[in-house]
N, C-alpha and C. Protein backbone atom coordinates (compact mmCIF):
# COMPACT_ATOMS: atom_id res chain seq x y z
N MET A 1 -17.41 1.18 28.53
CA MET A 1 -18.05 2.19 27.68
C MET A 1 -18.42 1.56 26.34
N LYS A 2 -19.63 1.82 25.88
CA LYS A 2 -20.08 1.26 24.62
C LYS A 2 -19.36 1.93 23.47
N GLU A 3 -18.91 1.11 22.50
CA GLU A 3 -18.20 1.65 21.35
C GLU A 3 -19.14 2.50 20.51
N THR A 4 -18.65 3.66 20.08
CA THR A 4 -19.45 4.58 19.29
C THR A 4 -19.76 3.97 17.93
N GLU A 5 -21.03 4.10 17.51
CA GLU A 5 -21.42 3.59 16.20
C GLU A 5 -20.77 4.44 15.11
N PRO A 6 -20.32 3.83 14.02
CA PRO A 6 -19.72 4.62 12.94
C PRO A 6 -20.74 5.57 12.32
N THR A 7 -20.30 6.77 12.01
CA THR A 7 -21.18 7.76 11.40
C THR A 7 -21.33 7.47 9.91
N VAL A 8 -22.34 8.10 9.30
CA VAL A 8 -22.56 7.91 7.87
C VAL A 8 -21.35 8.38 7.05
N PRO A 9 -20.78 9.57 7.33
CA PRO A 9 -19.60 9.98 6.56
C PRO A 9 -18.43 9.00 6.71
N ARG A 10 -18.26 8.44 7.90
CA ARG A 10 -17.18 7.48 8.11
C ARG A 10 -17.41 6.22 7.30
N ILE A 11 -18.66 5.73 7.28
CA ILE A 11 -18.99 4.53 6.51
C ILE A 11 -18.74 4.77 5.03
N LEU A 12 -19.17 5.95 4.54
CA LEU A 12 -18.97 6.28 3.14
C LEU A 12 -17.49 6.40 2.80
N SER A 13 -16.73 7.05 3.67
CA SER A 13 -15.30 7.22 3.40
C SER A 13 -14.60 5.87 3.35
N GLU A 14 -15.00 4.94 4.22
CA GLU A 14 -14.39 3.60 4.22
C GLU A 14 -14.72 2.85 2.93
N ARG A 15 -15.96 2.97 2.47
CA ARG A 15 -16.34 2.28 1.24
C ARG A 15 -15.59 2.86 0.03
N LEU A 16 -15.56 4.18 -0.03
CA LEU A 16 -14.87 4.83 -1.15
C LEU A 16 -13.37 4.56 -1.09
N ARG A 17 -12.82 4.54 0.11
CA ARG A 17 -11.38 4.27 0.26
C ARG A 17 -11.04 2.89 -0.29
N ARG A 18 -11.87 1.90 0.05
CA ARG A 18 -11.64 0.54 -0.45
C ARG A 18 -11.69 0.50 -1.97
N GLU A 19 -12.64 1.20 -2.55
CA GLU A 19 -12.79 1.19 -4.01
C GLU A 19 -11.62 1.90 -4.69
N ILE A 20 -11.10 2.95 -4.06
CA ILE A 20 -9.95 3.66 -4.63
C ILE A 20 -8.70 2.81 -4.52
N LEU A 21 -8.45 2.24 -3.34
CA LEU A 21 -7.23 1.48 -3.12
C LEU A 21 -7.23 0.17 -3.91
N SER A 22 -8.40 -0.37 -4.18
CA SER A 22 -8.49 -1.62 -4.95
C SER A 22 -8.35 -1.37 -6.44
N GLY A 23 -8.46 -0.10 -6.84
CA GLY A 23 -8.38 0.22 -8.25
C GLY A 23 -9.72 0.24 -8.95
N LYS A 24 -10.80 -0.02 -8.22
CA LYS A 24 -12.13 0.02 -8.83
C LYS A 24 -12.46 1.43 -9.30
N LEU A 25 -12.08 2.42 -8.48
CA LEU A 25 -12.17 3.82 -8.88
C LEU A 25 -10.78 4.25 -9.33
N LYS A 26 -10.66 4.67 -10.58
CA LYS A 26 -9.37 4.96 -11.18
C LYS A 26 -8.92 6.40 -10.92
N ALA A 27 -7.60 6.61 -10.98
CA ALA A 27 -7.04 7.95 -10.85
C ALA A 27 -7.64 8.85 -11.92
N GLY A 28 -8.10 10.03 -11.51
CA GLY A 28 -8.70 10.98 -12.43
C GLY A 28 -10.20 10.84 -12.57
N GLN A 29 -10.77 9.77 -12.05
CA GLN A 29 -12.21 9.55 -12.18
C GLN A 29 -12.98 10.55 -11.33
N ALA A 30 -14.03 11.14 -11.91
CA ALA A 30 -14.83 12.13 -11.20
C ALA A 30 -15.66 11.48 -10.10
N LEU A 31 -15.77 12.19 -8.99
CA LEU A 31 -16.59 11.74 -7.86
C LEU A 31 -17.70 12.77 -7.65
N VAL A 32 -18.78 12.60 -8.37
CA VAL A 32 -19.88 13.56 -8.36
C VAL A 32 -20.74 13.32 -7.13
N GLN A 33 -20.90 14.37 -6.33
CA GLN A 33 -21.60 14.22 -5.06
C GLN A 33 -23.03 13.72 -5.24
N GLU A 34 -23.73 14.27 -6.24
CA GLU A 34 -25.11 13.86 -6.46
C GLU A 34 -25.20 12.37 -6.81
N ASP A 35 -24.29 11.92 -7.66
CA ASP A 35 -24.30 10.51 -8.05
C ASP A 35 -23.99 9.61 -6.86
N LEU A 36 -23.02 10.00 -6.06
CA LEU A 36 -22.67 9.19 -4.89
C LEU A 36 -23.81 9.18 -3.87
N ALA A 37 -24.48 10.32 -3.71
CA ALA A 37 -25.61 10.38 -2.79
C ALA A 37 -26.72 9.43 -3.23
N ASP A 38 -27.01 9.42 -4.54
CA ASP A 38 -28.03 8.51 -5.07
C ASP A 38 -27.59 7.06 -4.91
N ARG A 39 -26.34 6.79 -5.18
CA ARG A 39 -25.83 5.43 -5.11
C ARG A 39 -25.95 4.85 -3.71
N TYR A 40 -25.65 5.67 -2.70
CA TYR A 40 -25.66 5.19 -1.32
C TYR A 40 -26.93 5.57 -0.56
N SER A 41 -27.87 6.19 -1.26
CA SER A 41 -29.16 6.57 -0.65
C SER A 41 -28.98 7.45 0.58
N VAL A 42 -28.16 8.47 0.43
CA VAL A 42 -27.94 9.43 1.51
C VAL A 42 -28.02 10.84 0.92
N SER A 43 -27.96 11.84 1.80
CA SER A 43 -27.94 13.22 1.32
C SER A 43 -26.53 13.60 0.89
N ARG A 44 -26.38 14.76 0.30
CA ARG A 44 -25.07 15.20 -0.18
C ARG A 44 -24.15 15.59 0.98
N ILE A 45 -24.71 15.93 2.14
CA ILE A 45 -23.87 16.40 3.24
C ILE A 45 -22.88 15.34 3.71
N PRO A 46 -23.29 14.11 4.04
CA PRO A 46 -22.29 13.10 4.44
C PRO A 46 -21.34 12.74 3.31
N VAL A 47 -21.80 12.80 2.05
CA VAL A 47 -20.91 12.55 0.92
C VAL A 47 -19.80 13.59 0.89
N ARG A 48 -20.18 14.86 1.06
CA ARG A 48 -19.20 15.94 1.06
C ARG A 48 -18.19 15.76 2.19
N GLU A 49 -18.66 15.37 3.36
CA GLU A 49 -17.76 15.16 4.50
C GLU A 49 -16.81 13.98 4.23
N ALA A 50 -17.34 12.91 3.63
CA ALA A 50 -16.50 11.74 3.32
C ALA A 50 -15.42 12.11 2.31
N LEU A 51 -15.78 12.89 1.31
CA LEU A 51 -14.80 13.29 0.29
C LEU A 51 -13.72 14.19 0.90
N ARG A 52 -14.10 15.04 1.83
CA ARG A 52 -13.11 15.90 2.48
C ARG A 52 -12.14 15.07 3.31
N GLN A 53 -12.64 14.01 3.94
CA GLN A 53 -11.77 13.12 4.70
C GLN A 53 -10.77 12.43 3.77
N LEU A 54 -11.26 11.97 2.64
CA LEU A 54 -10.37 11.31 1.68
C LEU A 54 -9.41 12.30 1.04
N GLU A 55 -9.82 13.54 0.92
CA GLU A 55 -8.91 14.58 0.43
C GLU A 55 -7.76 14.77 1.41
N ALA A 56 -8.06 14.76 2.71
CA ALA A 56 -7.03 14.90 3.74
C ALA A 56 -6.04 13.74 3.70
N GLU A 57 -6.50 12.57 3.25
CA GLU A 57 -5.63 11.40 3.15
C GLU A 57 -4.86 11.35 1.84
N GLY A 58 -5.16 12.30 0.93
CA GLY A 58 -4.46 12.32 -0.35
C GLY A 58 -5.08 11.43 -1.41
N LEU A 59 -6.25 10.87 -1.13
CA LEU A 59 -6.90 9.98 -2.09
C LEU A 59 -7.82 10.71 -3.05
N VAL A 60 -8.24 11.90 -2.68
CA VAL A 60 -9.16 12.70 -3.49
C VAL A 60 -8.58 14.10 -3.65
N ARG A 61 -8.81 14.68 -4.82
CA ARG A 61 -8.41 16.07 -5.06
C ARG A 61 -9.59 16.83 -5.63
N TYR A 62 -9.61 18.13 -5.35
CA TYR A 62 -10.62 19.01 -5.92
C TYR A 62 -9.97 19.85 -7.01
N LEU A 63 -10.52 19.76 -8.21
CA LEU A 63 -9.97 20.48 -9.36
C LEU A 63 -10.94 21.58 -9.79
N PRO A 64 -10.42 22.70 -10.28
CA PRO A 64 -11.29 23.78 -10.77
C PRO A 64 -12.20 23.30 -11.88
N ARG A 65 -13.47 23.64 -11.77
CA ARG A 65 -14.50 23.33 -12.76
C ARG A 65 -14.80 21.84 -12.90
N ARG A 66 -14.10 21.00 -12.14
CA ARG A 66 -14.37 19.56 -12.19
C ARG A 66 -14.88 19.02 -10.87
N GLY A 67 -14.50 19.63 -9.79
CA GLY A 67 -14.90 19.13 -8.49
C GLY A 67 -13.98 18.02 -8.02
N ALA A 68 -14.53 17.09 -7.25
CA ALA A 68 -13.72 16.02 -6.66
C ALA A 68 -13.40 14.94 -7.69
N VAL A 69 -12.13 14.50 -7.69
CA VAL A 69 -11.70 13.39 -8.54
C VAL A 69 -10.79 12.49 -7.72
N VAL A 70 -10.65 11.26 -8.14
CA VAL A 70 -9.69 10.36 -7.51
C VAL A 70 -8.29 10.88 -7.83
N ALA A 71 -7.48 11.06 -6.81
CA ALA A 71 -6.17 11.69 -6.97
C ALA A 71 -5.23 10.82 -7.80
N ALA A 72 -4.50 11.47 -8.70
CA ALA A 72 -3.39 10.82 -9.39
C ALA A 72 -2.12 11.18 -8.64
N ALA A 73 -0.98 10.72 -9.11
CA ALA A 73 0.27 11.02 -8.41
C ALA A 73 1.38 11.26 -9.42
N SER A 74 2.27 12.18 -9.08
CA SER A 74 3.45 12.44 -9.90
C SER A 74 4.55 11.47 -9.50
N ALA A 75 5.61 11.45 -10.30
CA ALA A 75 6.76 10.60 -9.98
C ALA A 75 7.34 10.98 -8.62
N ALA A 76 7.39 12.29 -8.34
CA ALA A 76 7.95 12.75 -7.06
C ALA A 76 7.09 12.28 -5.89
N GLU A 77 5.77 12.30 -6.06
CA GLU A 77 4.89 11.88 -4.98
C GLU A 77 5.00 10.39 -4.72
N VAL A 78 5.10 9.60 -5.79
CA VAL A 78 5.25 8.15 -5.61
C VAL A 78 6.59 7.85 -4.94
N SER A 79 7.64 8.57 -5.33
CA SER A 79 8.95 8.38 -4.71
C SER A 79 8.88 8.68 -3.22
N GLU A 80 8.13 9.72 -2.86
CA GLU A 80 7.99 10.06 -1.44
C GLU A 80 7.24 8.96 -0.69
N MET A 81 6.28 8.33 -1.36
CA MET A 81 5.57 7.22 -0.72
C MET A 81 6.53 6.09 -0.39
N PHE A 82 7.51 5.87 -1.27
CA PHE A 82 8.52 4.85 -0.98
C PHE A 82 9.40 5.28 0.20
N ASP A 83 9.71 6.57 0.30
CA ASP A 83 10.46 7.06 1.47
C ASP A 83 9.68 6.77 2.76
N ILE A 84 8.38 6.98 2.69
CA ILE A 84 7.52 6.71 3.85
C ILE A 84 7.51 5.22 4.16
N ARG A 85 7.51 4.40 3.10
CA ARG A 85 7.59 2.95 3.31
C ARG A 85 8.83 2.59 4.13
N VAL A 86 9.97 3.15 3.74
CA VAL A 86 11.21 2.84 4.46
C VAL A 86 11.07 3.19 5.93
N ALA A 87 10.58 4.39 6.22
CA ALA A 87 10.49 4.84 7.60
C ALA A 87 9.55 3.97 8.43
N LEU A 88 8.37 3.70 7.90
CA LEU A 88 7.37 2.96 8.66
C LEU A 88 7.68 1.46 8.73
N GLU A 89 8.02 0.88 7.59
CA GLU A 89 8.16 -0.57 7.55
C GLU A 89 9.44 -1.06 8.22
N CYS A 90 10.50 -0.27 8.11
CA CYS A 90 11.73 -0.67 8.81
C CYS A 90 11.53 -0.61 10.33
N ARG A 91 10.79 0.38 10.79
CA ARG A 91 10.50 0.46 12.22
C ARG A 91 9.64 -0.72 12.66
N ALA A 92 8.63 -1.05 11.87
CA ALA A 92 7.77 -2.17 12.22
C ALA A 92 8.55 -3.47 12.26
N LEU A 93 9.44 -3.67 11.30
CA LEU A 93 10.23 -4.91 11.27
C LEU A 93 11.15 -5.00 12.48
N ALA A 94 11.77 -3.88 12.84
CA ALA A 94 12.66 -3.87 14.00
C ALA A 94 11.92 -4.26 15.28
N LEU A 95 10.66 -3.82 15.37
CA LEU A 95 9.85 -4.18 16.54
C LEU A 95 9.32 -5.61 16.45
N ALA A 96 9.13 -6.08 15.22
CA ALA A 96 8.51 -7.40 15.03
C ALA A 96 9.46 -8.56 15.25
N VAL A 97 10.70 -8.41 14.81
CA VAL A 97 11.64 -9.55 14.83
C VAL A 97 11.73 -10.22 16.20
N PRO A 98 11.89 -9.47 17.30
CA PRO A 98 11.99 -10.14 18.60
C PRO A 98 10.74 -10.92 18.99
N ASN A 99 9.60 -10.60 18.37
CA ASN A 99 8.34 -11.27 18.71
C ASN A 99 8.03 -12.45 17.80
N MET A 100 8.83 -12.68 16.77
CA MET A 100 8.50 -13.70 15.79
C MET A 100 8.68 -15.11 16.34
N SER A 101 7.80 -15.99 15.88
CA SER A 101 7.83 -17.40 16.27
C SER A 101 7.97 -18.27 15.03
N GLU A 102 8.11 -19.56 15.24
CA GLU A 102 8.19 -20.48 14.12
C GLU A 102 6.94 -20.42 13.25
N ALA A 103 5.81 -20.16 13.88
CA ALA A 103 4.56 -20.05 13.11
C ALA A 103 4.64 -18.88 12.13
N ASP A 104 5.24 -17.77 12.55
CA ASP A 104 5.41 -16.61 11.67
C ASP A 104 6.34 -16.96 10.51
N PHE A 105 7.43 -17.65 10.81
CA PHE A 105 8.38 -18.02 9.77
C PHE A 105 7.74 -18.97 8.76
N ASP A 106 6.97 -19.93 9.27
CA ASP A 106 6.29 -20.88 8.38
C ASP A 106 5.29 -20.17 7.48
N ALA A 107 4.58 -19.20 8.05
CA ALA A 107 3.59 -18.44 7.26
C ALA A 107 4.29 -17.66 6.15
N ALA A 108 5.43 -17.05 6.49
CA ALA A 108 6.19 -16.28 5.50
C ALA A 108 6.71 -17.20 4.39
N ARG A 109 7.20 -18.38 4.76
CA ARG A 109 7.71 -19.32 3.76
C ARG A 109 6.59 -19.78 2.82
N THR A 110 5.41 -19.98 3.36
CA THR A 110 4.27 -20.39 2.54
C THR A 110 3.94 -19.33 1.50
N VAL A 111 3.98 -18.07 1.93
CA VAL A 111 3.71 -16.97 1.00
C VAL A 111 4.78 -16.91 -0.08
N LEU A 112 6.04 -17.06 0.32
CA LEU A 112 7.13 -17.00 -0.65
C LEU A 112 7.05 -18.16 -1.65
N ASP A 113 6.61 -19.30 -1.19
CA ASP A 113 6.44 -20.44 -2.09
C ASP A 113 5.37 -20.13 -3.13
N ALA A 114 4.27 -19.52 -2.69
CA ALA A 114 3.21 -19.13 -3.62
C ALA A 114 3.71 -18.08 -4.60
N TYR A 115 4.52 -17.16 -4.11
CA TYR A 115 5.09 -16.10 -4.95
C TYR A 115 5.98 -16.70 -6.04
N GLY A 116 6.80 -17.66 -5.65
CA GLY A 116 7.71 -18.28 -6.60
C GLY A 116 7.03 -19.10 -7.66
N HIS A 117 5.82 -19.58 -7.38
CA HIS A 117 5.11 -20.45 -8.33
C HIS A 117 3.97 -19.73 -9.06
N GLU A 118 3.78 -18.44 -8.78
CA GLU A 118 2.69 -17.70 -9.41
C GLU A 118 3.12 -17.22 -10.81
N PRO A 119 2.47 -17.71 -11.88
CA PRO A 119 2.87 -17.33 -13.24
C PRO A 119 2.34 -15.97 -13.69
N ASN A 120 1.32 -15.46 -12.99
CA ASN A 120 0.66 -14.23 -13.42
C ASN A 120 1.29 -13.00 -12.75
N PRO A 121 2.01 -12.16 -13.50
CA PRO A 121 2.65 -10.98 -12.89
C PRO A 121 1.66 -10.04 -12.21
N ALA A 122 0.40 -10.06 -12.66
CA ALA A 122 -0.60 -9.17 -12.07
C ALA A 122 -0.86 -9.51 -10.60
N ARG A 123 -0.51 -10.75 -10.19
CA ARG A 123 -0.76 -11.16 -8.81
C ARG A 123 0.47 -11.03 -7.92
N TRP A 124 1.63 -10.72 -8.51
CA TRP A 124 2.85 -10.65 -7.72
C TRP A 124 2.77 -9.57 -6.65
N GLY A 125 2.18 -8.44 -7.00
CA GLY A 125 2.10 -7.34 -6.03
C GLY A 125 1.29 -7.74 -4.81
N GLU A 126 0.18 -8.42 -5.03
CA GLU A 126 -0.68 -8.86 -3.92
C GLU A 126 0.07 -9.83 -3.01
N ILE A 127 0.78 -10.78 -3.62
CA ILE A 127 1.49 -11.78 -2.81
C ILE A 127 2.68 -11.13 -2.10
N ASN A 128 3.34 -10.20 -2.78
CA ASN A 128 4.42 -9.45 -2.16
C ASN A 128 3.94 -8.76 -0.89
N TRP A 129 2.76 -8.14 -0.97
CA TRP A 129 2.21 -7.45 0.20
C TRP A 129 1.92 -8.43 1.33
N ARG A 130 1.40 -9.61 0.99
CA ARG A 130 1.12 -10.61 2.02
C ARG A 130 2.39 -11.01 2.75
N PHE A 131 3.49 -11.14 2.02
CA PHE A 131 4.76 -11.48 2.66
C PHE A 131 5.20 -10.39 3.62
N HIS A 132 5.20 -9.16 3.15
CA HIS A 132 5.64 -8.05 4.00
C HIS A 132 4.74 -7.94 5.24
N TRP A 133 3.45 -8.08 5.03
CA TRP A 133 2.52 -7.96 6.16
C TRP A 133 2.76 -9.06 7.19
N THR A 134 3.08 -10.26 6.71
CA THR A 134 3.38 -11.37 7.62
C THR A 134 4.57 -11.05 8.52
N LEU A 135 5.55 -10.32 7.97
CA LEU A 135 6.73 -9.94 8.76
C LEU A 135 6.42 -8.82 9.74
N TYR A 136 5.55 -7.90 9.36
CA TYR A 136 5.31 -6.73 10.21
C TYR A 136 4.28 -6.98 11.31
N ALA A 137 3.34 -7.88 11.06
CA ALA A 137 2.23 -8.09 12.01
C ALA A 137 2.70 -8.37 13.44
N PRO A 138 3.80 -9.13 13.66
CA PRO A 138 4.21 -9.39 15.04
C PRO A 138 4.70 -8.17 15.81
N CYS A 139 4.82 -7.02 15.17
CA CYS A 139 5.26 -5.82 15.91
C CYS A 139 4.20 -5.40 16.93
N GLU A 140 2.94 -5.80 16.69
CA GLU A 140 1.85 -5.52 17.64
C GLU A 140 1.69 -4.02 17.92
N ARG A 141 1.71 -3.25 16.84
CA ARG A 141 1.49 -1.81 16.92
C ARG A 141 0.37 -1.47 15.92
N PRO A 142 -0.88 -1.55 16.34
CA PRO A 142 -2.01 -1.38 15.41
C PRO A 142 -1.98 -0.08 14.62
N LYS A 143 -1.63 1.02 15.27
CA LYS A 143 -1.63 2.30 14.57
C LYS A 143 -0.52 2.36 13.53
N LEU A 144 0.64 1.84 13.86
CA LEU A 144 1.75 1.78 12.92
C LEU A 144 1.38 0.91 11.72
N LEU A 145 0.78 -0.25 12.00
CA LEU A 145 0.37 -1.16 10.92
C LEU A 145 -0.69 -0.52 10.03
N ALA A 146 -1.59 0.26 10.63
CA ALA A 146 -2.62 0.94 9.84
C ALA A 146 -1.99 1.96 8.90
N LEU A 147 -0.99 2.68 9.38
CA LEU A 147 -0.30 3.65 8.54
C LEU A 147 0.44 2.96 7.39
N ILE A 148 1.07 1.83 7.70
CA ILE A 148 1.78 1.07 6.67
C ILE A 148 0.80 0.59 5.60
N GLU A 149 -0.33 0.06 6.05
CA GLU A 149 -1.32 -0.46 5.11
C GLU A 149 -1.86 0.65 4.22
N GLN A 150 -2.13 1.81 4.81
CA GLN A 150 -2.65 2.93 4.05
C GLN A 150 -1.65 3.40 3.00
N ASN A 151 -0.39 3.55 3.41
CA ASN A 151 0.63 4.03 2.47
C ASN A 151 0.89 3.00 1.38
N TYR A 152 0.96 1.73 1.76
CA TYR A 152 1.22 0.68 0.77
C TYR A 152 0.06 0.59 -0.23
N GLY A 153 -1.15 0.74 0.29
CA GLY A 153 -2.31 0.73 -0.60
C GLY A 153 -2.28 1.87 -1.58
N ASN A 154 -1.80 3.03 -1.12
CA ASN A 154 -1.71 4.19 -1.99
C ASN A 154 -0.68 3.95 -3.09
N VAL A 155 0.45 3.38 -2.73
CA VAL A 155 1.45 3.04 -3.75
C VAL A 155 0.87 2.02 -4.73
N GLY A 156 0.21 1.02 -4.19
CA GLY A 156 -0.30 -0.06 -5.01
C GLY A 156 -1.35 0.37 -6.01
N ARG A 157 -2.19 1.33 -5.65
CA ARG A 157 -3.25 1.72 -6.58
C ARG A 157 -2.69 2.42 -7.80
N PHE A 158 -1.53 3.10 -7.67
CA PHE A 158 -0.90 3.72 -8.82
C PHE A 158 -0.06 2.73 -9.60
N LEU A 159 0.54 1.77 -8.87
CA LEU A 159 1.60 0.97 -9.47
C LEU A 159 1.39 -0.53 -9.28
N ARG A 160 0.15 -0.96 -9.27
CA ARG A 160 -0.15 -2.36 -8.97
C ARG A 160 0.59 -3.30 -9.93
N THR A 161 0.62 -2.96 -11.19
CA THR A 161 1.34 -3.79 -12.16
C THR A 161 2.69 -3.21 -12.53
N GLN A 162 2.83 -1.86 -12.42
CA GLN A 162 4.08 -1.24 -12.82
C GLN A 162 5.26 -1.69 -11.96
N VAL A 163 5.04 -1.87 -10.66
CA VAL A 163 6.14 -2.29 -9.79
C VAL A 163 6.63 -3.66 -10.20
N SER A 164 5.71 -4.59 -10.45
CA SER A 164 6.10 -5.93 -10.86
C SER A 164 6.84 -5.90 -12.20
N ALA A 165 6.35 -5.07 -13.12
CA ALA A 165 7.00 -4.98 -14.43
C ALA A 165 8.39 -4.37 -14.31
N ALA A 166 8.53 -3.40 -13.40
CA ALA A 166 9.80 -2.69 -13.26
C ALA A 166 10.85 -3.53 -12.54
N THR A 167 10.43 -4.30 -11.55
CA THR A 167 11.40 -5.02 -10.72
C THR A 167 11.54 -6.49 -11.11
N GLY A 168 10.55 -7.03 -11.85
CA GLY A 168 10.57 -8.46 -12.13
C GLY A 168 10.23 -9.24 -10.86
N ARG A 169 10.50 -10.54 -10.89
CA ARG A 169 10.18 -11.36 -9.73
C ARG A 169 11.42 -11.98 -9.09
N ASP A 170 12.38 -12.40 -9.88
CA ASP A 170 13.49 -13.18 -9.35
C ASP A 170 14.31 -12.44 -8.31
N LYS A 171 14.71 -11.21 -8.61
CA LYS A 171 15.54 -10.46 -7.67
C LYS A 171 14.79 -10.15 -6.37
N PRO A 172 13.56 -9.60 -6.44
CA PRO A 172 12.81 -9.40 -5.20
C PRO A 172 12.60 -10.69 -4.42
N HIS A 173 12.41 -11.80 -5.15
CA HIS A 173 12.18 -13.09 -4.48
C HIS A 173 13.40 -13.50 -3.67
N ARG A 174 14.59 -13.34 -4.25
CA ARG A 174 15.82 -13.66 -3.52
C ARG A 174 15.97 -12.75 -2.30
N GLU A 175 15.65 -11.48 -2.48
CA GLU A 175 15.77 -10.53 -1.37
C GLU A 175 14.79 -10.87 -0.25
N HIS A 176 13.60 -11.33 -0.61
CA HIS A 176 12.63 -11.73 0.41
C HIS A 176 13.19 -12.85 1.28
N TYR A 177 13.81 -13.84 0.65
CA TYR A 177 14.38 -14.95 1.41
C TYR A 177 15.52 -14.47 2.31
N GLU A 178 16.32 -13.52 1.83
CA GLU A 178 17.41 -12.99 2.65
C GLU A 178 16.87 -12.25 3.88
N ILE A 179 15.81 -11.47 3.67
CA ILE A 179 15.19 -10.75 4.79
C ILE A 179 14.62 -11.74 5.80
N LEU A 180 13.93 -12.76 5.29
CA LEU A 180 13.34 -13.76 6.17
C LEU A 180 14.42 -14.49 6.97
N GLN A 181 15.53 -14.84 6.32
CA GLN A 181 16.60 -15.54 7.02
C GLN A 181 17.17 -14.69 8.15
N ALA A 182 17.32 -13.40 7.91
CA ALA A 182 17.80 -12.51 8.97
C ALA A 182 16.81 -12.47 10.13
N CYS A 183 15.52 -12.54 9.83
CA CYS A 183 14.51 -12.58 10.88
C CYS A 183 14.61 -13.88 11.67
N VAL A 184 14.79 -14.99 10.96
CA VAL A 184 14.93 -16.29 11.62
C VAL A 184 16.12 -16.28 12.58
N GLU A 185 17.20 -15.63 12.16
CA GLU A 185 18.41 -15.53 12.98
C GLU A 185 18.30 -14.47 14.07
N GLN A 186 17.16 -13.77 14.11
CA GLN A 186 16.93 -12.71 15.10
C GLN A 186 17.96 -11.58 14.98
N ASN A 187 18.43 -11.38 13.76
CA ASN A 187 19.40 -10.32 13.49
C ASN A 187 18.64 -9.08 13.03
N VAL A 188 18.23 -8.27 13.97
CA VAL A 188 17.39 -7.11 13.68
C VAL A 188 18.11 -6.14 12.75
N THR A 189 19.38 -5.85 13.04
CA THR A 189 20.12 -4.87 12.25
C THR A 189 20.20 -5.29 10.79
N ARG A 190 20.53 -6.56 10.55
CA ARG A 190 20.65 -7.04 9.17
C ARG A 190 19.28 -7.08 8.49
N ALA A 191 18.26 -7.52 9.19
CA ALA A 191 16.93 -7.58 8.59
C ALA A 191 16.46 -6.20 8.15
N VAL A 192 16.65 -5.21 8.99
CA VAL A 192 16.23 -3.85 8.66
C VAL A 192 17.05 -3.29 7.51
N ARG A 193 18.35 -3.55 7.52
CA ARG A 193 19.21 -3.06 6.44
C ARG A 193 18.80 -3.67 5.10
N LEU A 194 18.51 -4.97 5.10
CA LEU A 194 18.10 -5.64 3.87
C LEU A 194 16.74 -5.12 3.39
N LEU A 195 15.82 -4.88 4.32
CA LEU A 195 14.51 -4.36 3.94
C LEU A 195 14.64 -2.96 3.34
N GLU A 196 15.44 -2.12 3.95
CA GLU A 196 15.62 -0.76 3.42
C GLU A 196 16.19 -0.82 2.00
N ARG A 197 17.17 -1.69 1.79
CA ARG A 197 17.77 -1.84 0.46
C ARG A 197 16.74 -2.37 -0.53
N HIS A 198 15.90 -3.30 -0.09
CA HIS A 198 14.87 -3.90 -0.92
C HIS A 198 13.87 -2.85 -1.40
N ILE A 199 13.40 -2.00 -0.49
CA ILE A 199 12.43 -0.96 -0.85
C ILE A 199 13.09 0.09 -1.73
N ALA A 200 14.34 0.44 -1.43
CA ALA A 200 15.05 1.43 -2.24
C ALA A 200 15.24 0.94 -3.67
N ALA A 201 15.48 -0.36 -3.86
CA ALA A 201 15.64 -0.90 -5.21
C ALA A 201 14.34 -0.78 -6.00
N ALA A 202 13.22 -1.05 -5.35
CA ALA A 202 11.92 -0.90 -6.01
C ALA A 202 11.66 0.56 -6.35
N GLN A 203 12.04 1.46 -5.45
CA GLN A 203 11.87 2.89 -5.68
C GLN A 203 12.64 3.34 -6.93
N LYS A 204 13.88 2.89 -7.08
CA LYS A 204 14.68 3.25 -8.24
C LYS A 204 14.10 2.67 -9.53
N ALA A 205 13.63 1.43 -9.45
CA ALA A 205 13.06 0.80 -10.64
C ALA A 205 11.80 1.52 -11.09
N VAL A 206 10.98 1.92 -10.15
CA VAL A 206 9.74 2.62 -10.49
C VAL A 206 10.05 4.00 -11.04
N ALA A 207 11.05 4.69 -10.48
CA ALA A 207 11.44 6.00 -10.98
C ALA A 207 11.91 5.90 -12.43
N ALA A 208 12.66 4.85 -12.72
CA ALA A 208 13.12 4.63 -14.10
C ALA A 208 11.94 4.36 -15.03
N ALA A 209 10.95 3.61 -14.54
CA ALA A 209 9.77 3.33 -15.35
C ALA A 209 8.99 4.59 -15.63
N PHE A 210 8.89 5.50 -14.66
CA PHE A 210 8.24 6.79 -14.87
C PHE A 210 8.96 7.58 -15.95
N ARG A 211 10.29 7.61 -15.88
CA ARG A 211 11.05 8.37 -16.87
C ARG A 211 10.86 7.82 -18.28
N GLN A 212 10.84 6.50 -18.38
CA GLN A 212 10.65 5.88 -19.69
C GLN A 212 9.25 6.17 -20.24
N ALA A 213 8.27 6.17 -19.34
CA ALA A 213 6.89 6.47 -19.77
C ALA A 213 6.77 7.91 -20.25
N GLN A 214 7.44 8.83 -19.56
CA GLN A 214 7.42 10.23 -19.96
C GLN A 214 8.12 10.42 -21.29
N ALA A 215 9.23 9.73 -21.47
CA ALA A 215 9.97 9.83 -22.74
C ALA A 215 9.16 9.32 -23.91
N ALA A 216 8.34 8.32 -23.63
CA ALA A 216 7.50 7.72 -24.68
C ALA A 216 6.25 8.54 -24.95
N GLY A 217 6.05 9.56 -24.08
CA GLY A 217 4.87 10.42 -24.26
C GLY A 217 3.61 9.82 -23.71
């Protein structure tokens, strides 16, 4: 059966999703249908459908008298995203460990080496994601991996630099090596336990950063 061609609303939603998750479109930024229609040379109908799709994903919100905007997030919502990380990523790691090869371990070590030598904190989040993705990819569950990527991207667009500032690099770096070693030893239980603790530590650090930001006004 021939694969169905992507529809215009789907193409638009994918483009807008990339721009939101990359941070090109900022939280709170207005998404005016007429402007988007002109930008992409389409009618307002597919733009409206694309925005509704992104609203269902939590990336767009409709506000009274403002219309569609890029969604922001509260401290509680970001904390819930970390809860989702634990559920999805720990499951992926449990499935991935039995499938891992020396090539996977070497790839993870290469990423960790880059992480340890990267002086720019703004890039730590990106490299951190590459490490985690390297561990999860062997699970061979495309839908699970897509959910992980979507949720991680959502966390990252709010906290791309805040997570690095809140957690630093040294402690997460040590934890990464501990998780990798458990994977090398094929110790699924320990690897999952360490990953859950690792994500929970980041969740607490980010929650503290939110509180400090609120206190500072």
